[in-house]
C-alpha atoms as a PDB file:
ATOM      1  CA  MET A   1     -28.335  88.257 -30.323  1.00  0.00           C
ATOM      2  CA  ILE A   2     -25.550  85.714 -28.855  1.00  0.00           C
ATOM      3  CA  ARG A   3     -25.572  87.549 -25.728  1.00  0.00           C
ATOM      4  CA  SER A   4     -29.607  87.176 -25.504  1.00  0.00           C
ATOM      5  CA  ILE A   5     -29.247  83.498 -26.355  1.00  0.00           C
ATOM      6  CA  ILE A   6     -26.738  82.924 -23.558  1.00  0.00           C
ATOM      7  CA  LYS A   7     -28.876  84.732 -21.027  1.00  0.00           C
ATOM      8  CA  TYR A   8     -31.644  82.465 -21.828  1.00  0.00           C
ATOM      9  CA  PHE A   9     -29.840  79.297 -21.580  1.00  0.00           C
ATOM     10  CA  LEU A  10     -28.386  80.460 -18.234  1.00  0.00           C
ATOM     11  CA  LEU A  11     -31.625  81.295 -16.910  1.00  0.00           C
ATOM     12  CA  THR A  12     -33.057  77.905 -18.069  1.00  0.00           C
ATOM     13  CA  PHE A  13     -30.570  76.122 -16.708  1.00  0.00           C
ATOM     14  CA  LEU A  14     -30.791  78.246 -13.177  1.00  0.00           C
ATOM     15  CA  PHE A  15     -34.645  77.529 -13.314  1.00  0.00           C
ATOM     16  CA  LEU A  16     -34.140  73.873 -13.937  1.00  0.00           C
ATOM     17  CA  LEU A  17     -31.509  73.247 -11.128  1.00  0.00           C
ATOM     18  CA  LEU A  18     -33.403  75.220  -8.554  1.00  0.00           C
ATOM     19  CA  THR A  19     -36.474  73.365  -9.403  1.00  0.00           C
ATOM     20  CA  VAL A  20     -34.634  70.013  -9.034  1.00  0.00           C
ATOM     21  CA  LEU A  21     -32.783  70.926  -5.839  1.00  0.00           C
ATOM     22  CA  THR A  22     -35.924  72.863  -4.058  1.00  0.00           C
ATOM     23  CA  GLN A  23     -39.041  72.067  -5.895  1.00  0.00           C
ATOM     24  CA  ILE A  24     -39.979  75.873  -5.510  1.00  0.00           C
ATOM     25  CA  GLY A  25     -36.866  77.595  -6.401  1.00  0.00           C
ATOM     26  CA  GLY A  26     -37.258  77.763 -10.116  1.00  0.00           C
ATOM     27  CA  LEU A  27     -40.786  79.527  -9.600  1.00  0.00           C
ATOM     28  CA  ILE A  28     -39.231  81.885  -6.998  1.00  0.00           C
ATOM     29  CA  LEU A  29     -36.633  82.843  -9.671  1.00  0.00           C
ATOM     30  CA  ILE A  30     -39.266  83.772 -12.196  1.00  0.00           C
ATOM     31  CA  LEU A  31     -41.306  85.598  -9.605  1.00  0.00           C
ATOM     32  CA  SER A  32     -38.272  87.462  -8.491  1.00  0.00           C
ATOM     33  CA  LEU A  33     -37.400  88.592 -12.120  1.00  0.00           C
ATOM     34  CA  ILE A  34     -40.964  89.716 -12.844  1.00  0.00           C
ATOM     35  CA  ILE A  35     -40.791  91.970  -9.786  1.00  0.00           C
ATOM     36  CA  SER A  36     -37.307  93.183 -10.415  1.00  0.00           C
ATOM     37  CA  GLU A  37     -38.530  94.297 -13.803  1.00  0.00           C
ATOM     38  CA  LYS A  38     -41.697  95.823 -12.264  1.00  0.00           C
ATOM     39  CA  ILE A  39     -39.894  97.973  -9.639  1.00  0.00           C
ATOM     40  CA  LYS A  40     -36.940  98.512 -12.042  1.00  0.00           C
ATOM     41  CA  VAL A  41     -34.016  96.858 -10.045  1.00  0.00           C
ATOM     42  CA  LYS A  42     -30.949  96.838 -12.246  1.00  0.00           C
ATOM     43  CA  ASN A  43     -28.245  95.965  -9.622  1.00  0.00           C
ATOM     44  CA  ARG A  44     -27.135  92.041  -9.726  1.00  0.00           C
ATOM     45  CA  VAL A  45     -26.672  92.044  -5.912  1.00  0.00           C
ATOM     46  CA  LYS A  46     -29.992  93.625  -5.367  1.00  0.00           C
ATOM     47  CA  LYS A  47     -31.739  91.244  -7.769  1.00  0.00           C
ATOM     48  CA  VAL A  48     -29.756  88.079  -5.905  1.00  0.00           C
ATOM     49  CA  GLY A  49     -30.854  89.650  -2.568  1.00  0.00           C
ATOM     50  CA  LEU A  50     -34.519  89.900  -3.627  1.00  0.00           C
ATOM     51  CA  PHE A  51     -34.256  86.210  -4.829  1.00  0.00           C
ATOM     52  CA  ILE A  52     -33.013  85.107  -1.552  1.00  0.00           C
ATOM     53  CA  GLY A  53     -35.392  87.310   0.466  1.00  0.00           C
ATOM     54  CA  LEU A  54     -38.309  85.683  -1.527  1.00  0.00           C
ATOM     55  CA  TYR A  55     -37.116  82.273  -1.367  1.00  0.00           C
ATOM     56  CA  LEU A  56     -36.758  82.242   2.263  1.00  0.00           C
ATOM     57  CA  ALA A  57     -40.072  83.908   3.064  1.00  0.00           C
ATOM     58  CA  CYS A  58     -41.824  81.335   0.779  1.00  0.00           C
ATOM     59  CA  SER A  59     -39.918  78.481   2.305  1.00  0.00           C
ATOM     60  CA  PHE A  60     -40.606  79.200   5.874  1.00  0.00           C
ATOM     61  CA  VAL A  61     -43.835  81.220   5.640  1.00  0.00           C
ATOM     62  CA  ILE A  62     -45.924  80.300   3.072  1.00  0.00           C
ATOM     63  CA  VAL A  63     -44.979  76.733   1.901  1.00  0.00           C
ATOM     64  CA  PRO A  64     -45.459  75.000   5.577  1.00  0.00           C
ATOM     65  CA  PRO A  65     -49.252  75.718   5.606  1.00  0.00           C
ATOM     66  CA  LEU A  66     -49.775  75.289   2.031  1.00  0.00           C
ATOM     67  CA  ALA A  67     -48.164  71.833   2.120  1.00  0.00           C
ATOM     68  CA  LYS A  68     -50.584  70.836   4.717  1.00  0.00           C
ATOM     69  CA  VAL A  69     -53.132  71.104   1.798  1.00  0.00           C
ATOM     70  CA  PHE A  70     -51.338  68.546  -0.008  1.00  0.00           C
ATOM     71  CA  GLY A  71     -51.395  66.197   3.076  1.00  0.00           C
ATOM     72  CA  ARG A  72     -47.639  67.037   4.091  1.00  0.00           C
ATOM     73  CA  THR A  73     -46.156  68.627   6.991  1.00  0.00           C
ATOM     74  CA  ALA A  74     -42.491  69.984   7.742  1.00  0.00           C
ATOM     75  CA  LEU A  75     -40.516  68.137  10.340  1.00  0.00           C
ATOM     76  CA  PRO A  76     -38.913  70.128  13.033  1.00  0.00           C
ATOM     77  CA  ILE A  77     -36.148  72.341  12.117  1.00  0.00           C
ATOM     78  CA  SER A  78     -34.869  73.179  15.489  1.00  0.00           C
ATOM     79  CA  ASN A  79     -31.534  71.228  16.625  1.00  0.00           C
ATOM     80  CA  LYS A  80     -32.919  71.422  20.312  1.00  0.00           C
ATOM     81  CA  GLY A  81     -35.932  68.708  20.011  1.00  0.00           C
ATOM     82  CA  LEU A  82     -35.916  64.973  19.980  1.00  0.00           C
ATOM     83  CA  ILE A  83     -36.218  65.016  16.280  1.00  0.00           C
ATOM     84  CA  ILE A  84     -33.494  67.082  14.582  1.00  0.00           C
ATOM     85  CA  PRO A  85     -32.186  67.518  11.050  1.00  0.00           C
ATOM     86  CA  ASN A  86     -28.816  66.483   9.956  1.00  0.00           C
ATOM     87  CA  HIS A  87     -27.925  69.957   8.343  1.00  0.00           C
ATOM     88  CA  ILE A  88     -30.079  73.340   8.210  1.00  0.00           C
ATOM     89  CA  TRP A  89     -29.429  72.889   4.372  1.00  0.00           C
ATOM     90  CA  THR A  90     -31.978  69.661   4.345  1.00  0.00           C
ATOM     91  CA  CYS A  91     -34.650  72.379   5.402  1.00  0.00           C
ATOM     92  CA  LEU A  92     -33.492  75.262   3.174  1.00  0.00           C
ATOM     93  CA  PHE A  93     -33.968  72.913   0.350  1.00  0.00           C
ATOM     94  CA  ASN A  94     -37.376  71.861   1.296  1.00  0.00           C
ATOM     95  CA  ARG A  95     -36.541  68.295   1.777  1.00  0.00           C
ATOM     96  CA  HIS A  96     -38.023  67.644   5.017  1.00  0.00           C
ATOM     97  CA  TYR A  97     -41.650  67.316   4.471  1.00  0.00           C
ATOM     98  CA  VAL A  98     -43.648  64.034   5.347  1.00  0.00           C
ATOM     99  CA  LYS A  99     -47.315  62.862   5.446  1.00  0.00           C
ATOM    100  CA  LEU A 100     -48.792  63.559   8.900  1.00  0.00           C
ATOM    101  CA  GLU A 101     -48.923  59.725   9.565  1.00  0.00           C
ATOM    102  CA  LEU A 102     -45.037  59.403   9.221  1.00  0.00           C
ATOM    103  CA  TYR A 103     -44.727  62.574  11.297  1.00  0.00           C
ATOM    104  CA  ASP A 104     -46.877  61.122  14.091  1.00  0.00           C
ATOM    105  CA  LEU A 105     -44.896  57.987  13.718  1.00  0.00           C
ATOM    106  CA  ILE A 106     -41.498  59.427  14.183  1.00  0.00           C
ATOM    107  CA  ARG A 107     -42.484  61.562  16.904  1.00  0.00           C
ATOM    108  CA  GLU A 108     -44.204  58.816  19.052  1.00  0.00           C
ATOM    109  CA  VAL A 109     -41.034  56.702  18.528  1.00  0.00           C
ATOM    110  CA  SER A 110     -38.519  59.479  19.436  1.00  0.00           C
ATOM    111  CA  SER A 111     -40.470  59.930  22.466  1.00  0.00           C
ATOM    112  CA  ARG A 112     -41.025  56.535  23.654  1.00  0.00           C
ATOM    113  CA  LEU A 113     -37.182  56.209  23.241  1.00  0.00           C
ATOM    114  CA  TYR A 114     -36.138  59.188  25.094  1.00  0.00           C
ATOM    115  CA  ASN A 115     -38.716  58.811  28.119  1.00  0.00           C
ATOM    116  CA  GLU A 116     -39.031  54.924  28.518  1.00  0.00           C
ATOM    117  CA  ASN A 117     -35.428  53.578  28.067  1.00  0.00           C
ATOM    118  CA  ASP A 118     -31.886  54.543  29.170  1.00  0.00           C
ATOM    119  CA  TYR A 119     -31.047  55.506  25.556  1.00  0.00           C
ATOM    120  CA  GLN A 120     -31.871  59.471  25.656  1.00  0.00           C
ATOM    121  CA  PHE A 121     -30.557  59.911  22.081  1.00  0.00           C
ATOM    122  CA  ARG A 122     -32.332  62.341  19.698  1.00  0.00           C
ATOM    123  CA  ILE A 123     -33.416  61.046  16.264  1.00  0.00           C
ATOM    124  CA  ARG A 124     -31.461  62.699  13.584  1.00  0.00           C
ATOM    125  CA  TYR A 125     -33.178  62.805  10.139  1.00  0.00           C
ATOM    126  CA  LEU A 126     -31.533  62.929   6.805  1.00  0.00           C
ATOM    127  CA  ASP A 127     -33.640  63.394   3.502  1.00  0.00           C
ATOM    128  CA  ALA A 128     -37.577  63.165   3.618  1.00  0.00           C
ATOM    129  CA  ASN A 129     -39.755  64.449   0.670  1.00  0.00           C
ATOM    130  CA  PHE A 130     -40.454  67.657  -1.039  1.00  0.00           C
ATOM    131  CA  PRO A 131     -43.687  69.537   0.201  1.00  0.00           C
ATOM    132  CA  PHE A 132     -45.846  69.210  -3.086  1.00  0.00           C
ATOM    133  CA  ILE A 133     -46.945  66.755  -5.702  1.00  0.00           C
ATOM    134  CA  ASN A 134     -46.730  63.004  -5.729  1.00  0.00           C
ATOM    135  CA  GLY A 135     -44.294  61.609  -8.150  1.00  0.00           C
ATOM    136  CA  PHE A 136     -42.043  64.736  -8.173  1.00  0.00           C
ATOM    137  CA  PRO A 137     -38.554  63.028  -7.615  1.00  0.00           C
ATOM    138  CA  LEU A 138     -36.343  64.066  -4.699  1.00  0.00           C
ATOM    139  CA  LEU A 139     -32.991  63.336  -6.593  1.00  0.00           C
ATOM    140  CA  PRO A 140     -30.702  61.351  -6.094  1.00  0.00           C
ATOM    141  CA  HIS A 141     -33.146  59.221  -4.273  1.00  0.00           C
ATOM    142  CA  ARG A 142     -35.253  56.620  -6.473  1.00  0.00           C
ATOM    143  CA  SER A 143     -38.296  57.258  -4.063  1.00  0.00           C
ATOM    144  CA  HIS A 144     -38.977  59.794  -1.521  1.00  0.00           C
ATOM    145  CA  ASP A 145     -41.611  61.276  -4.235  1.00  0.00           C
ATOM    146  CA  ASP A 146     -44.920  60.906  -2.119  1.00  0.00           C
ATOM    147  CA  GLY A 147     -44.360  62.048   1.519  1.00  0.00           C
ATOM    148  CA  GLU A 148     -44.182  58.574   2.662  1.00  0.00           C
ATOM    149  CA  LYS A 149     -40.275  58.102   2.925  1.00  0.00           C
ATOM    150  CA  LEU A 150     -37.850  59.071   5.667  1.00  0.00           C
ATOM    151  CA  ASP A 151     -34.113  58.541   6.043  1.00  0.00           C
ATOM    152  CA  LEU A 152     -32.695  58.419   9.564  1.00  0.00           C
ATOM    153  CA  ALA A 153     -28.930  58.437  10.929  1.00  0.00           C
ATOM    154  CA  PHE A 154     -27.713  55.674  12.993  1.00  0.00           C
ATOM    155  CA  ILE A 155     -26.889  56.076  16.513  1.00  0.00           C
ATOM    156  CA  TYR A 156     -23.198  56.537  17.321  1.00  0.00           C
ATOM    157  CA  VAL A 157     -21.288  56.737  20.680  1.00  0.00           C
ATOM    158  CA  ASP A 158     -18.583  59.231  20.907  1.00  0.00           C
ATOM    159  CA  GLN A 159     -15.436  56.785  22.433  1.00  0.00           C
ATOM    160  CA  ILE A 160     -13.395  59.567  23.745  1.00  0.00           C
ATOM    161  CA  GLN A 161     -16.304  61.205  26.064  1.00  0.00           C
ATOM    162  CA  ASP A 162     -18.266  58.000  26.500  1.00  0.00           C
ATOM    163  CA  LYS A 163     -21.602  59.339  25.584  1.00  0.00           C
ATOM    164  CA  TYR A 164     -23.889  59.557  22.612  1.00  0.00           C
ATOM    165  CA  TRP A 165     -22.897  61.299  19.607  1.00  0.00           C
ATOM    166  CA  ASN A 166     -25.542  63.871  18.648  1.00  0.00           C
ATOM    167  CA  ASP A 167     -23.542  65.734  15.996  1.00  0.00           C
ATOM    168  CA  ARG A 168     -23.323  64.881  12.016  1.00  0.00           C
ATOM    169  CA  VAL A 169     -20.973  62.058  11.232  1.00  0.00           C
ATOM    170  CA  SER A 170     -20.885  63.546   7.814  1.00  0.00           C
ATOM    171  CA  PHE A 171     -22.094  66.633   6.196  1.00  0.00           C
ATOM    172  CA  ILE A 172     -24.718  65.563   4.111  1.00  0.00           C
ATOM    173  CA  GLY A 173     -25.588  62.441   6.432  1.00  0.00           C
ATOM    174  CA  TYR A 174     -24.680  59.714   4.091  1.00  0.00           C
ATOM    175  CA  GLY A 175     -21.348  57.978   3.373  1.00  0.00           C
ATOM    176  CA  PHE A 176     -20.430  56.961   6.926  1.00  0.00           C
ATOM    177  CA  CYS A 177     -20.651  53.466   6.678  1.00  0.00           C
ATOM    178  CA  GLU A 178     -20.756  50.423   9.074  1.00  0.00           C
ATOM    179  CA  GLU A 179     -19.014  48.009   6.932  1.00  0.00           C
ATOM    180  CA  PRO A 180     -19.597  44.339   7.048  1.00  0.00           C
ATOM    181  CA  LEU A 181     -17.508  42.335   9.459  1.00  0.00           C
ATOM    182  CA  ARG A 182     -15.682  39.159   8.649  1.00  0.00           C
ATOM    183  CA  GLY A 183     -18.207  36.378   8.111  1.00  0.00           C
ATOM    184  CA  GLU A 184     -21.114  38.807   7.431  1.00  0.00           C
ATOM    185  CA  GLN A 185     -22.753  39.095   4.064  1.00  0.00           C
ATOM    186  CA  ASN A 186     -20.806  41.986   2.039  1.00  0.00           C
ATOM    187  CA  MET A 187     -23.618  43.164  -0.252  1.00  0.00           C
ATOM    188  CA  PRO A 188     -21.650  46.461  -1.097  1.00  0.00           C
ATOM    189  CA  LYS A 189     -18.967  43.811  -2.672  1.00  0.00           C
ATOM    190  CA  GLN A 190     -21.631  41.609  -4.433  1.00  0.00           C
ATOM    191  CA  CYS A 191     -23.286  44.699  -5.814  1.00  0.00           C
ATOM    192  CA  ALA A 192     -20.124  46.202  -7.095  1.00  0.00           C
ATOM    193  CA  GLN A 193     -19.121  42.883  -8.748  1.00  0.00           C
ATOM    194  CA  LYS A 194     -22.457  42.953 -10.840  1.00  0.00           C
ATOM    195  CA  GLY A 195     -21.626  46.167 -12.318  1.00  0.00           C
ATOM    196  CA  TYR A 196     -23.425  48.736  -9.885  1.00  0.00           C
ATOM    197  CA  TRP A 197     -20.977  51.214  -9.479  1.00  0.00           C
ATOM    198  CA  GLN A 198     -23.058  53.699  -7.883  1.00  0.00           C
ATOM    199  CA  TYR A 199     -23.697  51.455  -4.748  1.00  0.00           C
ATOM    200  CA  SER A 200     -20.858  52.526  -2.674  1.00  0.00           C
ATOM    201  CA  LEU A 201     -20.373  56.115  -4.404  1.00  0.00           C
ATOM    202  CA  LEU A 202     -20.946  58.220  -1.242  1.00  0.00           C
ATOM    203  CA  THR A 203     -18.787  55.917   0.929  1.00  0.00           C
ATOM    204  CA  LYS A 204     -15.871  57.827   2.618  1.00  0.00           C
ATOM    205  CA  SER A 205     -16.798  60.981   0.580  1.00  0.00           C
ATOM    206  CA  PHE A 206     -18.249  63.355   3.055  1.00  0.00           C
ATOM    207  CA  GLY A 207     -17.125  62.264   6.438  1.00  0.00           C
ATOM    208  CA  LEU A 208     -16.612  64.257   9.345  1.00  0.00           C
ATOM    209  CA  ALA A 209     -16.296  62.088  12.138  1.00  0.00           C
ATOM    210  CA  SER A 210     -13.457  59.205  12.089  1.00  0.00           C
ATOM    211  CA  LYS A 211     -14.244  55.626  13.195  1.00  0.00           C
ATOM    212  CA  ASP A 212     -11.485  56.150  15.830  1.00  0.00           C
ATOM    213  CA  LYS A 213     -13.660  58.634  17.463  1.00  0.00           C
ATOM    214  CA  VAL A 214     -17.264  57.383  16.743  1.00  0.00           C
ATOM    215  CA  GLN A 215     -18.583  53.890  17.164  1.00  0.00           C
ATOM    216  CA  PHE A 216     -21.741  52.164  15.795  1.00  0.00           C
ATOM    217  CA  ASP A 217     -23.932  51.581  18.883  1.00  0.00           C
ATOM    218  CA  LYS A 218     -25.409  48.104  18.194  1.00  0.00           C
ATOM    219  CA  SER A 219     -27.791  47.867  21.131  1.00  0.00           C
ATOM    220  CA  ALA A 220     -29.245  51.590  20.627  1.00  0.00           C
ATOM    221  CA  ASN A 221     -29.767  50.967  16.930  1.00  0.00           C
ATOM    222  CA  THR A 222     -31.463  47.408  17.588  1.00  0.00           C
ATOM    223  CA  LEU A 223     -33.746  49.379  20.048  1.00  0.00           C
ATOM    224  CA  LEU A 224     -34.333  52.065  17.223  1.00  0.00           C
ATOM    225  CA  VAL A 225     -35.024  49.675  14.422  1.00  0.00           C
ATOM    226  CA  LYS A 226     -37.136  47.581  16.944  1.00  0.00           C
ATOM    227  CA  GLN A 227     -39.439  50.496  17.773  1.00  0.00           C
ATOM    228  CA  LEU A 228     -39.655  51.800  14.276  1.00  0.00           C
ATOM    229  CA  SER A 229     -40.631  48.159  13.107  1.00  0.00           C
ATOM    230  CA  LYS A 230     -43.256  47.602  15.793  1.00  0.00           C
ATOM    231  CA  HIS A 231     -45.239  50.520  15.067  1.00  0.00           C
ATOM    232  CA  PRO A 232     -48.403  49.871  12.879  1.00  0.00           C
ATOM    233  CA  SER A 233     -47.818  52.496  10.660  1.00  0.00           C
ATOM    234  CA  THR A 234     -44.270  51.153   9.388  1.00  0.00           C
ATOM    235  CA  LYS A 235     -44.478  49.176   6.080  1.00  0.00           C
ATOM    236  CA  LYS A 236     -40.972  49.048   4.968  1.00  0.00           C
ATOM    237  CA  ILE A 237     -37.368  49.355   6.755  1.00  0.00           C
ATOM    238  CA  PHE A 238     -34.383  49.168   4.653  1.00  0.00           C
ATOM    239  CA  ILE A 239     -30.865  48.546   5.947  1.00  0.00           C
ATOM    240  CA  GLU A 240     -27.885  46.379   4.628  1.00  0.00           C
ATOM    241  CA  PRO A 241     -28.219  42.620   4.913  1.00  0.00           C
ATOM    242  CA  HIS A 242     -25.235  42.499   7.062  1.00  0.00           C
ATOM    243  CA  LEU A 243     -26.837  44.928   9.693  1.00  0.00           C
ATOM    244  CA  LYS A 244     -30.078  43.203   9.603  1.00  0.00           C
ATOM    245  CA  SER A 245     -28.367  40.049  10.631  1.00  0.00           C
ATOM    246  CA  ARG A 246     -26.112  41.739  13.297  1.00  0.00           C
ATOM    247  CA  LEU A 247     -29.007  43.705  14.869  1.00  0.00           C
ATOM    248  CA  GLY A 248     -31.211  40.374  14.790  1.00  0.00           C
ATOM    249  CA  PHE A 249     -33.988  41.120  12.431  1.00  0.00           C
ATOM    250  CA  GLU A 250     -33.562  38.131   9.899  1.00  0.00           C
ATOM    251  CA  SER A 251     -37.130  37.297  10.378  1.00  0.00           C
ATOM    252  CA  ASP A 252     -38.818  40.477  10.617  1.00  0.00           C
ATOM    253  CA  PRO A 253     -40.601  40.977   7.025  1.00  0.00           C
ATOM    254  CA  LYS A 254     -40.655  44.809   7.451  1.00  0.00           C
ATOM    255  CA  VAL A 255     -36.801  44.853   7.622  1.00  0.00           C
ATOM    256  CA  ARG A 256     -35.606  44.440   4.007  1.00  0.00           C
ATOM    257  CA  PHE A 257     -32.807  44.665   1.477  1.00  0.00           C
ATOM    258  CA  HIS A 258     -33.495  47.734  -1.040  1.00  0.00           C
ATOM    259  CA  GLY A 259     -31.637  46.131  -4.105  1.00  0.00           C
ATOM    260  CA  CYS A 260     -28.320  46.898  -5.741  1.00  0.00           C
ATOM    261  CA  ALA A 261     -29.997  49.554  -8.187  1.00  0.00           C
ATOM    262  CA  ALA A 262     -29.951  51.847  -4.906  1.00  0.00           C
ATOM    263  CA  VAL A 263     -27.291  52.980  -2.742  1.00  0.00           C
ATOM    264  CA  ARG A 264     -26.128  50.922   0.334  1.00  0.00           C
ATOM    265  CA  HIS A 265     -27.804  51.496   3.560  1.00  0.00           C
ATOM    266  CA  ASP A 266     -25.293  50.751   6.290  1.00  0.00           C
ATOM    267  CA  ASP A 267     -25.010  54.605   6.684  1.00  0.00           C
ATOM    268  CA  HIS A 268     -28.582  55.450   7.222  1.00  0.00           C
ATOM    269  CA  ILE A 269     -31.953  53.729   7.923  1.00  0.00           C
ATOM    270  CA  HIS A 270     -34.740  54.160   5.055  1.00  0.00           C
ATOM    271  CA  LEU A 271     -38.123  54.157   6.645  1.00  0.00           C
ATOM    272  CA  GLU A 272     -41.555  54.323   4.688  1.00  0.00           C
ATOM    273  CA  LEU A 273     -45.379  53.997   5.314  1.00  0.00           C
END
């Protein structure tokens, strides 16, 4: 009896966890258990293998065309184009879906930056949205629930090799912050003083690169934000106030402060329709 109760709670926990992390993982878990029961799979390793196989098949074969029915399309998953994911886990967890209008926006901007300027860098995206259902939360984000939001990495220069840094600066893409300089508005400090403990939670937590090797490129990031802002589909861009001022967007109504209830945005750009 106790064993059955524990098994039930474990399955419930796994269902909820996989649903929160991937949106479809909980349903795939139930499906794999049903199939395992039908074909009488007893070995736990084989059950796990069945789940992984079903999950990957659904994520990369079934979900992409089905997401289009819900008005969303997957961003590129290859690391060889002009738009690349920060990590393959973003795609494995189905966090790389956007509305077609947003996909066209970022594709046009990436192409223009690469072909019309000396800045031949690639746009690295972080979290986008899940493939289905408006209002389904993409934790830990407060938004990213309607296909209209996309986080982008800033552009950095490799100071040792004197070229654009096209690798990840942190494992999850967040937390590698361009701190306020002396004399600039220090919103992270102000938010912390107001009791918003989560504001700088990810800072320095997931770093891969070091500030001695990688440098924030002011001119390239100014150009990136400018191209994003001038696109007619762009409604909002969130970056930290000190970067808005440093990059010269004080009078741009599209470039805004996101509020202390969120997390700091000097480690990425938040773009939305």
